Amino acid sequence: NISNIFLVTPQTSEKRIREIDTNSNGFIYAVSSASTTGSKTDFSAAADYLGKLKNMKLKTPVLTGFNIKNKQNFEDACKYVDGAIIGSEFIRQITDVDDITAAATQYVNLIKS
């Protein structure tokens, strides 16, 4: 019961994306940019690429990650795909805190609010 999670990038061809969609059973991870994770502050540059994925009407849910840091980035991403993954910023939020559970809860609630 383990799913293969395939990654696509702005450089992935439509043919390859469709092949990945056919062979996926979990979700497709749409890398939003070619930068290092957590390094950019503006998510808007990925809009055209994510819009293209949305317009392809894939059968597999698409989630995006890389440079999702705050509520606005999360909401912007979710306009185009089925969800967003927050990695580096989440780790930053729970690093060097006295109460990891409280810090994680506070950050998740901020994103969800």
Protein backbone atom coordinates (compact mmCIF):
# COMPACT_ATOMS: atom_id res chain seq x y z
CA ASN A 1 0.00 0.00 0.00
CA ILE A 2 2.78 2.43 -0.88
CA SER A 3 2.18 4.98 -3.62
CA ASN A 4 4.79 6.17 -6.04
CA ILE A 5 4.84 9.95 -5.99
CA PHE A 6 6.16 11.27 -9.28
CA LEU A 7 7.51 14.79 -9.65
CA VAL A 8 6.92 17.15 -12.53
CA THR A 9 8.62 20.47 -13.16
CA PRO A 10 7.96 23.42 -15.47
CA GLN A 11 10.30 21.68 -17.94
CA THR A 12 8.38 18.37 -17.99
CA SER A 13 6.72 17.77 -21.35
CA GLU A 14 2.95 17.34 -21.63
CA LYS A 15 3.51 13.82 -22.96
CA ARG A 16 5.56 12.89 -19.89
CA ILE A 17 3.01 14.50 -17.53
CA ARG A 18 0.25 12.41 -19.09
CA GLU A 19 2.38 9.28 -18.75
CA ILE A 20 2.98 10.09 -15.09
CA ASP A 21 -0.74 10.69 -14.61
CA THR A 22 -1.55 7.28 -16.11
CA ASN A 23 0.93 5.55 -13.78
CA SER A 24 0.16 7.44 -10.56
CA ASN A 25 -2.00 6.23 -7.73
CA GLY A 26 -1.31 8.82 -5.03
CA PHE A 27 -0.67 12.37 -6.12
CA ILE A 28 1.64 14.17 -8.51
CA TYR A 29 4.12 16.54 -6.90
CA ALA A 30 4.43 19.67 -9.04
CA VAL A 31 7.74 21.32 -8.20
CA SER A 32 6.86 25.00 -8.54
CA SER A 33 10.29 26.26 -9.60
CA ALA A 34 13.85 25.27 -10.36
CA SER A 35 15.15 27.01 -7.24
CA THR A 36 16.35 25.56 -3.96
CA THR A 37 13.44 24.75 -1.69
CA GLY A 38 12.52 27.56 0.66
CA SER A 39 14.66 30.14 -1.13
CA LYS A 40 12.09 32.37 -2.85
CA THR A 41 9.50 34.65 -1.36
CA ASP A 42 7.18 35.16 -4.34
CA PHE A 43 5.08 32.25 -5.53
CA SER A 44 3.32 34.05 -8.38
CA ALA A 45 5.91 33.06 -11.01
CA ALA A 46 4.58 29.49 -10.94
CA ALA A 47 1.01 30.51 -11.86
CA ASP A 48 1.31 29.85 -15.63
CA TYR A 49 2.85 26.43 -15.09
CA LEU A 50 0.33 25.37 -12.44
CA GLY A 51 -2.51 26.73 -14.57
CA LYS A 52 -1.28 24.53 -17.42
CA LEU A 53 -1.44 21.50 -15.15
CA LYS A 54 -4.95 22.41 -14.02
CA ASN A 55 -6.11 22.80 -17.63
CA MET A 56 -4.78 19.33 -18.47
CA LYS A 57 -7.59 17.86 -16.32
CA LEU A 58 -5.41 15.07 -14.92
CA LYS A 59 -7.04 12.15 -13.09
CA THR A 60 -4.45 12.22 -10.31
CA PRO A 61 -4.54 14.99 -7.70
CA VAL A 62 -1.72 17.51 -8.11
CA LEU A 63 0.01 19.05 -5.10
CA THR A 64 2.70 21.66 -5.34
CA GLY A 65 5.60 22.51 -3.15
CA PHE A 66 8.79 24.59 -3.05
CA ASN A 67 8.49 28.13 -1.81
CA ILE A 68 5.14 27.74 -0.06
CA LYS A 69 5.80 29.74 3.10
CA ASN A 70 2.64 31.44 4.24
CA LYS A 71 -1.13 31.56 4.00
CA GLN A 72 -1.05 33.72 0.86
CA ASN A 73 1.36 31.34 -0.95
CA PHE A 74 -0.79 28.38 0.12
CA GLU A 75 -4.00 30.01 -1.11
CA ASP A 76 -2.37 31.12 -4.38
CA ALA A 77 -1.16 27.58 -5.05
CA CYS A 78 -4.52 26.01 -4.25
CA LYS A 79 -6.19 28.16 -6.92
CA TYR A 80 -4.41 26.00 -9.48
CA VAL A 81 -3.84 22.60 -7.88
CA ASP A 82 -5.43 20.29 -5.34
CA GLY A 83 -3.17 21.26 -2.46
CA ALA A 84 0.20 22.57 -1.37
CA ILE A 85 3.07 21.13 0.63
CA ILE A 86 4.88 23.31 3.13
CA GLY A 87 8.28 21.85 4.02
CA SER A 88 11.20 24.15 4.74
CA GLU A 89 9.13 26.88 6.35
CA PHE A 90 7.34 24.37 8.58
CA ILE A 91 10.71 23.07 9.78
CA ARG A 92 11.84 26.66 10.46
CA GLN A 93 8.71 27.28 12.50
CA ILE A 94 9.35 24.32 14.82
CA THR A 95 13.11 24.73 15.16
CA ASP A 96 14.57 26.12 18.37
CA VAL A 97 11.24 26.45 20.18
CA ASP A 98 10.35 25.31 23.65
CA ASP A 99 7.12 23.56 22.66
CA ILE A 100 7.20 21.98 19.21
CA THR A 101 3.57 20.87 19.38
CA ALA A 102 2.38 24.38 20.21
CA ALA A 103 4.57 25.93 17.50
CA ALA A 104 3.35 23.44 14.89
CA THR A 105 -0.28 23.93 15.88
CA GLN A 106 0.05 27.71 15.79
CA TYR A 107 1.66 27.63 12.33
CA VAL A 108 -0.92 25.22 10.87
CA ASN A 109 -3.74 27.30 12.31
CA LEU A 110 -2.22 30.43 10.75
CA ILE A 111 -2.22 28.75 7.33
CA LYS A 112 -5.77 27.42 7.78
CA SER A 113 -7.27 30.65 9.16
